[in-house]
Amino acid sequence: MEINAKEFRNRDITVTYDPCKCVLSGTCAKELSDVFSNSVIPWVNLDNTETKRVIEQIKRCPSGALEYYRNNNKQAS
């Protein structure tokens, strides 16, 4: 479910995106295209895979533009 252009959530996590940090490497879309897309809006669909896989991909973001927090405790990761 999209909240706004920079925040996406499912029942487990909320993913935030900072376009000012993004270097447009495309790593997220190349490595986890079920969730991240370069051509579909909304470009993040957290319902297409397990939350664990999304978190693993976010940790590989080269610029740090993608971050997440768990919805139950609101701590950034």
N, C-alpha and C. Protein backbone atom coordinates (compact mmCIF):
# COMPACT_ATOMS: atom_id res chain seq x y z
N MET A 1 0.85 -1.19 0.00
CA MET A 1 0.00 0.00 0.00
C MET A 1 0.88 1.24 0.00
N GLU A 2 0.67 2.12 -0.91
CA GLU A 2 1.46 3.34 -1.01
C GLU A 2 0.87 4.42 -0.12
N ILE A 3 1.71 5.05 0.71
CA ILE A 3 1.28 6.15 1.57
C ILE A 3 1.52 7.46 0.86
N ASN A 4 2.72 7.64 0.34
CA ASN A 4 3.03 8.78 -0.53
C ASN A 4 4.19 8.35 -1.41
N ALA A 5 4.73 9.22 -2.19
CA ALA A 5 5.76 8.85 -3.16
C ALA A 5 7.04 8.35 -2.51
N LYS A 6 7.22 8.59 -1.22
CA LYS A 6 8.48 8.24 -0.57
C LYS A 6 8.32 7.24 0.56
N GLU A 7 7.13 6.69 0.76
CA GLU A 7 6.91 5.77 1.87
C GLU A 7 5.94 4.67 1.44
N PHE A 8 6.33 3.44 1.71
CA PHE A 8 5.54 2.27 1.31
C PHE A 8 5.49 1.33 2.49
N ARG A 9 4.36 0.64 2.67
CA ARG A 9 4.28 -0.27 3.81
C ARG A 9 3.50 -1.53 3.49
N ASN A 10 3.82 -2.54 4.27
CA ASN A 10 2.99 -3.74 4.32
C ASN A 10 2.67 -3.94 5.80
N ARG A 11 2.19 -5.09 6.17
CA ARG A 11 1.82 -5.26 7.58
C ARG A 11 3.03 -5.31 8.51
N ASP A 12 4.21 -5.64 7.99
CA ASP A 12 5.40 -5.83 8.81
C ASP A 12 6.32 -4.61 8.88
N ILE A 13 6.56 -3.98 7.73
CA ILE A 13 7.55 -2.90 7.67
C ILE A 13 7.03 -1.70 6.88
N THR A 14 7.69 -0.58 7.09
CA THR A 14 7.50 0.61 6.27
C THR A 14 8.84 0.92 5.62
N VAL A 15 8.84 1.07 4.31
CA VAL A 15 10.05 1.39 3.55
C VAL A 15 10.00 2.86 3.19
N THR A 16 11.10 3.55 3.46
CA THR A 16 11.20 4.96 3.08
C THR A 16 12.25 5.11 1.98
N TYR A 17 12.02 6.10 1.14
CA TYR A 17 12.90 6.36 0.00
C TYR A 17 13.26 7.84 -0.01
N ASP A 18 14.56 8.12 -0.05
CA ASP A 18 15.05 9.49 -0.11
C ASP A 18 15.64 9.73 -1.50
N PRO A 19 14.90 10.39 -2.39
CA PRO A 19 15.40 10.59 -3.75
C PRO A 19 16.66 11.44 -3.82
N CYS A 20 16.91 12.25 -2.80
CA CYS A 20 18.13 13.07 -2.78
C CYS A 20 19.38 12.23 -2.58
N LYS A 21 19.24 11.07 -1.96
CA LYS A 21 20.39 10.17 -1.73
C LYS A 21 20.59 9.18 -2.87
N CYS A 22 19.53 8.89 -3.60
CA CYS A 22 19.57 7.84 -4.61
C CYS A 22 20.55 8.16 -5.74
N VAL A 23 21.40 7.19 -6.08
CA VAL A 23 22.35 7.35 -7.18
C VAL A 23 21.87 6.64 -8.45
N LEU A 24 20.63 6.16 -8.41
CA LEU A 24 19.99 5.52 -9.56
C LEU A 24 20.80 4.36 -10.14
N SER A 25 21.39 3.57 -9.27
CA SER A 25 22.16 2.40 -9.72
C SER A 25 21.24 1.31 -10.24
N GLY A 26 19.99 1.29 -9.79
CA GLY A 26 19.07 0.27 -10.23
C GLY A 26 19.26 -1.06 -9.53
N THR A 27 20.12 -1.11 -8.52
CA THR A 27 20.39 -2.35 -7.81
C THR A 27 19.12 -2.98 -7.27
N CYS A 28 18.25 -2.18 -6.70
CA CYS A 28 17.02 -2.73 -6.11
C CYS A 28 16.17 -3.41 -7.18
N ALA A 29 15.96 -2.76 -8.31
CA ALA A 29 15.13 -3.32 -9.38
C ALA A 29 15.79 -4.50 -10.07
N LYS A 30 17.10 -4.48 -10.20
CA LYS A 30 17.81 -5.59 -10.85
C LYS A 30 17.80 -6.84 -9.98
N GLU A 31 17.97 -6.66 -8.68
CA GLU A 31 18.11 -7.81 -7.78
C GLU A 31 16.80 -8.29 -7.19
N LEU A 32 15.78 -7.44 -7.11
CA LEU A 32 14.50 -7.85 -6.54
C LEU A 32 13.36 -7.19 -7.34
N SER A 33 13.26 -7.60 -8.59
CA SER A 33 12.30 -6.97 -9.50
C SER A 33 10.86 -7.29 -9.16
N ASP A 34 10.61 -8.28 -8.31
CA ASP A 34 9.25 -8.56 -7.85
C ASP A 34 8.70 -7.42 -7.00
N VAL A 35 9.60 -6.67 -6.37
CA VAL A 35 9.21 -5.60 -5.45
C VAL A 35 9.52 -4.22 -6.01
N PHE A 36 10.70 -4.04 -6.55
CA PHE A 36 11.15 -2.72 -7.03
C PHE A 36 11.12 -2.70 -8.56
N SER A 37 10.59 -1.62 -9.11
CA SER A 37 10.45 -1.51 -10.56
C SER A 37 10.94 -0.16 -11.06
N ASN A 38 11.51 -0.16 -12.24
CA ASN A 38 11.90 1.08 -12.89
C ASN A 38 10.81 1.63 -13.80
N SER A 39 9.76 0.83 -14.04
CA SER A 39 8.79 1.23 -15.05
C SER A 39 7.32 1.17 -14.61
N VAL A 40 7.04 0.71 -13.41
CA VAL A 40 5.66 0.58 -12.96
C VAL A 40 5.43 1.51 -11.77
N ILE A 41 4.27 2.12 -11.71
CA ILE A 41 3.92 2.97 -10.57
C ILE A 41 2.76 2.32 -9.86
N PRO A 42 2.78 2.13 -8.55
CA PRO A 42 3.89 2.52 -7.68
C PRO A 42 5.09 1.62 -7.92
N TRP A 43 6.27 2.18 -7.81
CA TRP A 43 7.49 1.45 -8.15
C TRP A 43 7.95 0.50 -7.05
N VAL A 44 7.31 0.55 -5.89
CA VAL A 44 7.59 -0.39 -4.81
C VAL A 44 6.29 -1.11 -4.46
N ASN A 45 6.32 -2.44 -4.52
CA ASN A 45 5.16 -3.25 -4.16
C ASN A 45 5.61 -4.29 -3.15
N LEU A 46 5.46 -3.99 -1.90
CA LEU A 46 5.96 -4.86 -0.83
C LEU A 46 5.18 -6.15 -0.69
N ASP A 47 4.04 -6.26 -1.34
CA ASP A 47 3.23 -7.46 -1.24
C ASP A 47 3.69 -8.58 -2.17
N ASN A 48 4.68 -8.33 -3.00
CA ASN A 48 5.10 -9.31 -3.99
C ASN A 48 6.14 -10.31 -3.50
N THR A 49 6.62 -10.20 -2.28
CA THR A 49 7.57 -11.18 -1.75
C THR A 49 7.57 -11.11 -0.23
N GLU A 50 8.39 -11.94 0.37
CA GLU A 50 8.49 -11.98 1.83
C GLU A 50 9.21 -10.74 2.34
N THR A 51 8.80 -10.27 3.50
CA THR A 51 9.41 -9.09 4.12
C THR A 51 10.91 -9.29 4.32
N LYS A 52 11.31 -10.47 4.68
CA LYS A 52 12.73 -10.77 4.90
C LYS A 52 13.57 -10.46 3.65
N ARG A 53 13.05 -10.81 2.48
CA ARG A 53 13.78 -10.54 1.23
C ARG A 53 13.87 -9.05 0.94
N VAL A 54 12.81 -8.32 1.26
CA VAL A 54 12.82 -6.86 1.06
C VAL A 54 13.89 -6.23 1.94
N ILE A 55 13.94 -6.64 3.20
CA ILE A 55 14.92 -6.10 4.15
C ILE A 55 16.34 -6.40 3.66
N GLU A 56 16.58 -7.61 3.21
CA GLU A 56 17.91 -7.97 2.70
C GLU A 56 18.30 -7.08 1.52
N GLN A 57 17.35 -6.79 0.64
CA GLN A 57 17.64 -5.94 -0.52
C GLN A 57 17.91 -4.50 -0.10
N ILE A 58 17.13 -3.99 0.82
CA ILE A 58 17.33 -2.62 1.31
C ILE A 58 18.72 -2.47 1.90
N LYS A 59 19.20 -3.46 2.59
CA LYS A 59 20.54 -3.42 3.18
C LYS A 59 21.63 -3.37 2.12
N ARG A 60 21.31 -3.77 0.88
CA ARG A 60 22.28 -3.72 -0.22
C ARG A 60 22.20 -2.44 -1.03
N CYS A 61 21.33 -1.53 -0.67
CA CYS A 61 21.20 -0.26 -1.40
C CYS A 61 22.52 0.52 -1.29
N PRO A 62 23.18 0.78 -2.41
CA PRO A 62 24.51 1.39 -2.35
C PRO A 62 24.52 2.84 -1.83
N SER A 63 23.42 3.54 -1.95
CA SER A 63 23.40 4.95 -1.54
C SER A 63 22.76 5.17 -0.17
N GLY A 64 22.04 4.18 0.32
CA GLY A 64 21.31 4.37 1.56
C GLY A 64 19.99 5.10 1.37
N ALA A 65 19.55 5.23 0.14
CA ALA A 65 18.29 5.94 -0.15
C ALA A 65 17.08 5.16 0.34
N LEU A 66 17.21 3.85 0.41
CA LEU A 66 16.13 3.01 0.92
C LEU A 66 16.43 2.64 2.37
N GLU A 67 15.45 2.82 3.23
CA GLU A 67 15.55 2.41 4.63
C GLU A 67 14.23 1.79 5.01
N TYR A 68 14.20 1.14 6.16
CA TYR A 68 12.96 0.54 6.62
C TYR A 68 12.88 0.61 8.13
N TYR A 69 11.68 0.48 8.63
CA TYR A 69 11.48 0.24 10.05
C TYR A 69 10.32 -0.72 10.20
N ARG A 70 10.38 -1.47 11.28
CA ARG A 70 9.31 -2.43 11.56
C ARG A 70 8.12 -1.66 12.12
N ASN A 71 6.96 -1.97 11.66
CA ASN A 71 5.77 -1.24 12.06
C ASN A 71 5.42 -1.41 13.53
N ASN A 72 5.85 -2.49 14.15
CA ASN A 72 5.49 -2.71 15.54
C ASN A 72 6.32 -1.91 16.52
N ASN A 73 7.52 -1.44 16.13
CA ASN A 73 8.31 -0.68 17.11
C ASN A 73 8.84 0.65 16.58
N LYS A 74 8.62 0.96 15.31
CA LYS A 74 8.97 2.26 14.70
C LYS A 74 10.44 2.63 14.84
N GLN A 75 11.34 1.67 14.95
CA GLN A 75 12.77 1.95 15.00
C GLN A 75 13.35 1.84 13.61
N ALA A 76 14.09 2.85 13.19
CA ALA A 76 14.71 2.83 11.86
C ALA A 76 15.80 1.79 11.81
N SER A 77 15.99 1.25 10.61
CA SER A 77 17.05 0.27 10.39
C SER A 77 17.82 0.60 9.15
